[in-house]
């Protein structure tokens, strides 16, 4: 049995994590964490998630939960490094799915892993998206840099950042395959008389509307042909299921900082 704490348990993603843990054999919810002052503190996490009560109330105190946990699953936007640090001090593994870490946060996680922590960190926990990363890298190598590349992503109308972390990662994959410089060669949308497309540029375009969970397409275009690789997420459950695969991976993994490519054996 893998005993889980969910951070951000009252959020859209947190609720799906709670529901999926409750429905998945071999997993048990032992903690549901939210920020101090959250109006839902004290309420049952299952009720908040729209399932039967779990007996695990929402709390703002992480430390009392760590003694009975194997893994912390954290998709929250704040306090991520602090929570991972507390978990590492109690030999609790961490699965981190936030997209707001930044370089400083990534360095902090690497330092925790060097000190013995077990961590999976990925901006997108979807199994399909991580397969897309692999396919895009392979396609880029096979097609060669004679193909123009454009990346298009669409998300719901409440998403506040653009481009998505997944689109940014796809751009990194293409830049690595084609030896392009992200600081110089990425083009974030186009407007006005911008001139002909340069050979080196990679376009990134962000669409927002409705309740779209997440669509990503990478287009390779050349004279006379076009290859498109697309992933569409229709439910946040895909990210929750990926997070549980990451938690199961960490149950047998040595200390280290891993990503979903490690979890899925794609490296």
Protein backbone atom coordinates (compact mmCIF):
# COMPACT_ATOMS: atom_id res chain seq x y z
CA UNK A 1 0.00 0.00 0.00
CA UNK A 2 1.35 3.42 -1.00
CA UNK A 3 0.18 6.02 1.51
CA UNK A 4 -0.31 9.45 -0.10
CA UNK A 5 -0.59 13.07 0.95
CA UNK A 6 -2.12 15.40 -1.62
CA UNK A 7 -1.05 19.05 -1.48
CA UNK A 8 -3.52 21.49 -2.99
CA UNK A 9 -6.26 18.96 -2.36
CA UNK A 10 -9.12 21.44 -2.79
CA UNK A 11 -7.99 22.63 -6.23
CA UNK A 12 -9.21 21.26 -9.55
CA UNK A 13 -6.21 18.95 -9.89
CA UNK A 14 -6.11 18.07 -6.20
CA UNK A 15 -9.70 16.88 -6.23
CA UNK A 16 -8.99 14.52 -9.11
CA UNK A 17 -5.93 13.20 -7.29
CA UNK A 18 -8.03 12.48 -4.20
CA UNK A 19 -10.67 10.72 -6.33
CA UNK A 20 -8.13 8.64 -8.22
CA UNK A 21 -6.27 7.60 -5.09
CA UNK A 22 -9.54 6.49 -3.53
CA UNK A 23 -10.41 4.46 -6.64
CA UNK A 24 -7.00 2.85 -7.25
CA UNK A 25 -5.99 -0.42 -5.62
CA UNK A 26 -2.71 -0.24 -3.76
CA UNK A 27 -3.04 3.45 -2.84
CA UNK A 28 -4.35 5.08 0.32
CA UNK A 29 -5.03 8.74 1.06
CA UNK A 30 -3.59 9.69 4.45
CA UNK A 31 -3.42 13.48 4.14
CA UNK A 32 -5.06 16.38 2.30
CA UNK A 33 -3.21 19.69 2.48
CA UNK A 34 -4.28 23.24 1.66
CA UNK A 35 -3.01 26.75 2.37
CA UNK A 36 -3.64 28.39 5.76
CA UNK A 37 -6.89 30.29 5.63
CA UNK A 38 -8.50 28.10 3.00
CA UNK A 39 -12.25 28.27 3.70
CA UNK A 40 -12.58 24.50 3.24
CA UNK A 41 -10.17 23.53 6.02
CA UNK A 42 -11.65 20.81 8.22
CA UNK A 43 -13.99 19.47 5.55
CA UNK A 44 -13.68 15.90 4.30
CA UNK A 45 -11.41 15.68 1.23
CA UNK A 46 -13.64 13.10 -0.41
CA UNK A 47 -16.72 15.26 -0.07
CA UNK A 48 -14.80 18.18 -1.59
CA UNK A 49 -13.72 15.92 -4.46
CA UNK A 50 -17.31 14.82 -5.14
CA UNK A 51 -16.85 11.23 -3.96
CA UNK A 52 -17.85 9.44 -0.78
CA UNK A 53 -16.11 10.68 2.40
CA UNK A 54 -12.52 9.52 2.82
CA UNK A 55 -12.24 10.28 6.52
CA UNK A 56 -9.29 12.56 5.68
CA UNK A 57 -10.04 16.22 6.46
CA UNK A 58 -8.41 19.15 4.76
CA UNK A 59 -5.60 20.62 6.88
CA UNK A 60 -2.95 23.32 6.60
CA UNK A 61 -0.42 21.38 8.72
CA UNK A 62 1.91 19.09 6.76
CA UNK A 63 4.28 17.96 9.48
CA UNK A 64 1.75 15.84 11.46
CA UNK A 65 0.87 13.95 8.27
CA UNK A 66 4.38 12.91 7.26
CA UNK A 67 4.81 10.18 9.88
CA UNK A 68 2.12 8.04 8.23
CA UNK A 69 2.95 8.76 4.57
CA UNK A 70 5.10 7.26 1.83
CA UNK A 71 4.72 10.00 -0.77
CA UNK A 72 3.68 13.62 -1.09
CA UNK A 73 1.90 14.46 -4.36
CA UNK A 74 2.08 18.20 -4.93
CA UNK A 75 0.43 20.11 -7.80
CA UNK A 76 0.10 23.32 -5.77
CA UNK A 77 1.42 26.65 -7.01
CA UNK A 78 2.95 27.80 -3.73
CA UNK A 79 5.10 26.36 -0.95
CA UNK A 80 6.29 23.49 -3.15
CA UNK A 81 9.97 23.59 -2.18
CA UNK A 82 9.16 24.00 1.50
CA UNK A 83 6.83 20.98 1.38
CA UNK A 84 9.38 18.88 -0.52
CA UNK A 85 12.06 19.83 2.00
CA UNK A 86 9.85 18.78 4.93
CA UNK A 87 9.00 15.51 3.16
CA UNK A 88 12.66 14.74 2.44
CA UNK A 89 13.56 15.27 6.09
CA UNK A 90 11.12 12.47 7.00
CA UNK A 91 12.17 10.16 4.11
CA UNK A 92 8.85 10.73 2.34
CA UNK A 93 9.12 10.70 -1.46
CA UNK A 94 7.69 13.57 -3.50
CA UNK A 95 5.85 13.73 -6.82
CA UNK A 96 5.78 17.34 -8.01
CA UNK A 97 3.55 18.35 -10.90
CA UNK A 98 3.59 22.13 -10.61
CA UNK A 99 4.60 24.18 -13.66
CA UNK A 100 5.79 27.20 -11.65
CA UNK A 101 9.10 25.96 -10.22
CA UNK A 102 11.55 28.01 -12.25
CA UNK A 103 15.30 27.46 -12.34
CA UNK A 104 15.79 28.24 -8.66
CA UNK A 105 13.17 25.70 -7.65
CA UNK A 106 14.69 23.05 -9.90
CA UNK A 107 18.09 23.63 -8.33
CA UNK A 108 16.54 23.28 -4.87
CA UNK A 109 14.99 19.93 -5.82
CA UNK A 110 18.31 18.73 -7.25
CA UNK A 111 19.99 19.63 -3.95
CA UNK A 112 17.37 17.67 -1.99
CA UNK A 113 17.90 14.66 -4.25
CA UNK A 114 21.67 14.90 -3.82
CA UNK A 115 21.03 14.74 -0.09
CA UNK A 116 19.05 11.50 -0.38
CA UNK A 117 15.53 12.55 -1.37
CA UNK A 118 13.43 10.62 -3.90
CA UNK A 119 11.63 13.04 -6.22
CA UNK A 120 9.78 12.93 -9.53
CA UNK A 121 9.23 16.42 -10.94
CA UNK A 122 7.47 17.06 -14.24
CA UNK A 123 5.42 19.94 -15.58
CA UNK A 124 3.08 17.43 -17.21
CA UNK A 125 2.39 14.04 -15.66
CA UNK A 126 0.35 12.72 -18.59
CA UNK A 127 1.69 9.45 -19.99
CA UNK A 128 0.58 10.51 -23.47
CA UNK A 129 2.30 13.90 -23.32
CA UNK A 130 5.55 12.32 -22.20
CA UNK A 131 5.28 9.90 -25.10
CA UNK A 132 4.74 12.97 -27.32
CA UNK A 133 8.07 14.41 -26.13
CA UNK A 134 9.78 11.21 -27.22
CA UNK A 135 8.00 11.07 -30.59
CA UNK A 136 8.78 14.73 -31.35
CA UNK A 137 12.46 14.17 -30.62
CA UNK A 138 12.53 11.13 -32.90
CA UNK A 139 10.59 12.90 -35.65
CA UNK A 140 12.95 15.88 -35.53
CA UNK A 141 15.96 13.63 -35.92
CA UNK A 142 14.45 11.71 -38.83
CA UNK A 143 12.95 14.68 -40.71
CA UNK A 144 15.92 16.98 -40.21
CA UNK A 145 16.07 20.73 -39.84
CA UNK A 146 14.87 21.33 -43.38
CA UNK A 147 11.35 21.18 -41.92
CA UNK A 148 9.75 24.26 -40.39
CA UNK A 149 8.37 23.65 -36.90
CA UNK A 150 5.34 25.32 -35.31
CA UNK A 151 3.89 24.47 -31.89
CA UNK A 152 0.24 25.18 -31.08
CA UNK A 153 -1.35 24.76 -27.65
CA UNK A 154 -4.87 25.40 -26.40
CA UNK A 155 -6.18 25.52 -22.84
CA UNK A 156 -9.27 26.64 -20.93
CA UNK A 157 -10.10 30.30 -20.55
CA UNK A 158 -8.95 30.44 -16.92
CA UNK A 159 -5.32 29.50 -17.58
CA UNK A 160 -3.13 32.41 -16.59
CA UNK A 161 0.26 31.61 -18.12
CA UNK A 162 1.28 31.32 -21.76
CA UNK A 163 2.68 29.40 -23.42
CA UNK A 164 1.92 26.28 -21.41
CA UNK A 165 4.76 24.52 -19.67
CA UNK A 166 4.20 21.57 -21.99
CA UNK A 167 4.56 23.76 -25.09
CA UNK A 168 7.73 25.24 -23.64
CA UNK A 169 9.10 21.75 -23.06
CA UNK A 170 8.20 20.71 -26.61
CA UNK A 171 10.11 23.75 -27.85
CA UNK A 172 13.12 22.67 -25.78
CA UNK A 173 12.94 19.22 -27.36
CA UNK A 174 12.90 20.67 -30.88
CA UNK A 175 15.67 23.17 -30.09
CA UNK A 176 17.81 20.33 -28.77
CA UNK A 177 17.24 18.21 -31.85
CA UNK A 178 17.87 21.07 -34.32
CA UNK A 179 20.59 22.88 -32.34
CA UNK A 180 18.49 26.02 -32.02
CA UNK A 181 18.80 28.70 -29.32
CA UNK A 182 15.54 29.15 -27.36
CA UNK A 183 16.51 32.73 -26.48
CA UNK A 184 16.94 33.69 -30.14
CA UNK A 185 14.95 31.29 -32.30
CA UNK A 186 11.53 30.99 -30.65
CA UNK A 187 8.70 33.19 -32.04
CA UNK A 188 5.70 33.70 -29.78
CA UNK A 189 2.90 34.40 -32.23
CA UNK A 190 3.11 36.80 -35.19
CA UNK A 191 1.45 40.12 -35.94
CA UNK A 192 1.85 42.71 -38.63
CA UNK A 193 4.40 42.70 -41.44
CA UNK A 194 6.98 40.39 -39.88
CA UNK A 195 8.60 39.27 -43.11
CA UNK A 196 9.10 35.76 -44.39
CA UNK A 197 9.63 32.99 -41.91
CA UNK A 198 13.34 32.42 -41.22
CA UNK A 199 14.81 28.97 -41.50
CA UNK A 200 15.77 28.80 -37.83
CA UNK A 201 12.66 30.10 -36.12
CA UNK A 202 10.23 27.90 -34.20
CA UNK A 203 6.75 29.33 -33.73
CA UNK A 204 4.77 28.92 -30.51
CA UNK A 205 1.09 29.86 -30.45
CA UNK A 206 -1.27 29.90 -27.46
CA UNK A 207 -5.06 29.59 -27.76
CA UNK A 208 -7.48 30.03 -24.87
CA UNK A 209 -11.17 29.17 -24.67
CA UNK A 210 -13.90 27.20 -22.99
CA UNK A 211 -13.02 24.28 -20.77
CA UNK A 212 -10.20 22.75 -22.84
CA UNK A 213 -8.01 20.70 -20.50
CA UNK A 214 -4.97 20.76 -22.78
CA UNK A 215 -4.27 20.30 -26.49
CA UNK A 216 -0.75 20.34 -27.97
CA UNK A 217 0.28 19.96 -31.61
CA UNK A 218 3.77 20.03 -33.12
CA UNK A 219 3.75 20.68 -36.88
CA UNK A 220 6.70 19.76 -39.11
CA UNK A 221 6.15 21.41 -42.52
CA UNK A 222 8.21 21.21 -45.69
CA UNK A 223 7.65 21.59 -49.42
CA UNK A 224 4.89 19.20 -50.40
CA UNK A 225 4.27 17.52 -47.04
CA UNK A 226 3.41 18.10 -43.40
CA UNK A 227 3.67 15.90 -40.31
CA UNK A 228 1.57 16.74 -37.25
CA UNK A 229 1.90 15.13 -33.84
CA UNK A 230 -0.98 15.90 -31.47
CA UNK A 231 -1.97 15.10 -27.91
CA UNK A 232 -5.38 16.05 -26.49
CA UNK A 233 -6.27 15.71 -22.83
CA UNK A 234 -10.00 15.53 -22.16
CA UNK A 235 -9.78 14.93 -18.40
CA UNK A 236 -7.45 15.90 -15.57
CA UNK A 237 -7.55 12.25 -14.58
CA UNK A 238 -4.80 11.62 -17.12
CA UNK A 239 -2.45 13.77 -15.01
CA UNK A 240 -3.61 12.11 -11.79
CA UNK A 241 -3.00 8.62 -13.18
CA UNK A 242 0.48 9.67 -14.31
CA UNK A 243 1.20 11.00 -10.83
CA UNK A 244 0.22 7.67 -9.30
CA UNK A 245 2.55 5.86 -11.72
CA UNK A 246 5.30 8.22 -10.54
CA UNK A 247 4.48 7.45 -6.90
CA UNK A 248 4.69 3.71 -7.58
CA UNK A 249 8.02 4.25 -9.37
CA UNK A 250 9.47 6.08 -6.35
CA UNK A 251 8.44 3.27 -4.01
CA UNK A 252 11.30 1.17 -5.44
CA UNK A 253 13.66 3.91 -6.66
CA UNK A 254 16.95 4.99 -5.07
CA UNK A 255 17.53 8.60 -4.11
CA UNK A 256 17.49 10.93 -7.09
CA UNK A 257 15.64 13.57 -9.06
CA UNK A 258 13.60 11.95 -11.82
CA UNK A 259 11.09 13.03 -14.47
CA UNK A 260 8.29 11.18 -16.23
CA UNK A 261 10.65 10.00 -18.94
CA UNK A 262 12.43 8.01 -16.21
CA UNK A 263 9.12 6.72 -14.83
CA UNK A 264 8.02 5.46 -18.25
CA UNK A 265 11.41 4.07 -19.28
CA UNK A 266 11.69 6.41 -22.26
CA UNK A 267 15.29 7.46 -21.71
